[in-house]
Protein backbone atom coordinates (compact mmCIF):
# COMPACT_ATOMS: atom_id res chain seq x y z
CA MET A 1 8.78 19.99 -9.30
CA THR A 2 5.46 20.57 -7.60
CA ILE A 3 4.49 19.53 -4.09
CA CYS A 4 0.93 20.02 -2.89
CA SER A 5 -0.62 19.30 0.47
CA LEU A 6 -4.34 19.08 0.97
CA VAL A 7 -7.14 17.77 3.12
CA VAL A 8 -9.61 15.41 1.49
CA TYR A 9 -13.02 15.27 3.14
CA ALA A 10 -14.87 11.98 2.70
CA LYS A 11 -18.09 10.52 4.02
CA PRO A 12 -17.17 8.73 7.27
CA GLU A 13 -18.59 5.43 6.06
CA ALA A 14 -16.49 5.66 2.88
CA THR A 15 -13.17 6.64 4.46
CA THR A 16 -11.52 3.24 4.00
CA ALA A 17 -12.59 2.93 0.36
CA VAL A 18 -11.50 6.51 -0.41
CA GLU A 19 -8.17 5.86 1.28
CA LYS A 20 -7.58 2.78 -0.90
CA SER A 21 -8.50 4.66 -4.09
CA ILE A 22 -6.24 7.60 -3.30
CA ALA A 23 -3.32 5.33 -2.36
CA GLU A 24 -3.35 3.88 -5.90
CA ILE A 25 -2.74 7.26 -7.57
CA GLU A 26 0.82 7.91 -8.77
CA GLY A 27 2.73 10.50 -6.75
CA VAL A 28 0.13 10.65 -3.98
CA GLU A 29 0.82 9.84 -0.34
CA ILE A 30 -1.63 9.70 2.56
CA HIS A 31 -0.07 11.01 5.77
CA ALA A 32 -3.05 10.72 8.09
CA ALA A 33 -6.63 9.49 8.00
CA ASP A 34 -9.36 10.08 10.55
CA PRO A 35 -12.48 7.90 10.94
CA SER A 36 -14.57 11.08 10.60
CA GLY A 37 -13.49 11.24 6.94
CA LYS A 38 -10.55 13.66 6.93
CA LEU A 39 -7.40 12.60 5.07
CA VAL A 40 -4.13 14.54 4.90
CA VAL A 41 -2.65 13.98 1.46
CA SER A 42 0.39 15.16 -0.46
CA ILE A 43 1.08 15.10 -4.18
CA ASP A 44 4.66 15.14 -5.44
CA HIS A 45 5.12 15.31 -9.21
CA PRO A 46 7.37 17.14 -11.68
CA ASP A 47 4.39 18.44 -13.66
CA ARG A 48 2.26 21.19 -12.08
CA VAL A 49 -0.70 20.34 -14.33
CA HIS A 50 -0.63 16.74 -13.08
CA CYS A 51 -1.06 17.98 -9.51
CA SER A 52 -4.04 20.14 -10.44
CA GLU A 53 -5.66 17.33 -12.41
CA THR A 54 -5.09 14.90 -9.54
CA ILE A 55 -6.77 17.25 -7.08
CA MET A 56 -9.74 17.71 -9.42
CA GLY A 57 -9.87 13.95 -9.95
CA PHE A 58 -10.40 13.33 -6.24
CA SER A 59 -13.98 14.56 -6.70
CA ASN A 60 -14.61 11.58 -9.00
CA ILE A 61 -13.85 9.11 -6.21
CA ALA A 62 -17.03 7.76 -4.66
CA GLY A 63 -17.40 9.06 -1.11
CA VAL A 64 -15.28 12.20 -1.50
CA ILE A 65 -17.17 15.31 -0.39
CA ASN A 66 -14.58 18.05 -0.92
CA THR A 67 -10.87 18.89 -1.01
CA ALA A 68 -9.00 21.84 0.48
CA LEU A 69 -5.57 22.83 -0.80
CA VAL A 70 -3.34 23.72 2.15
CA TYR A 71 0.05 24.26 0.53
CA GLU A 72 1.64 24.33 -2.91
CA TYR A 73 5.31 24.57 -3.80
CA TYR A 74 6.34 25.02 -7.42
CA GLU A 75 9.88 25.15 -8.69
């Protein structure tokens, strides 16, 4: 099992659209969103590779500027 926590930085004007796109991804939960474009996100999935690919995939979402991994737990 892998649990990751990260901050997703989005353009402020795209925050709502980014939030909707991220919410549709399997195993991903949004815990907080700020109008300035910061989203606190967690990924919970049995496969460690899935978590890494999901984080990298965030950059393909229109409006996402960057991501910052805060925590990773792997069992």
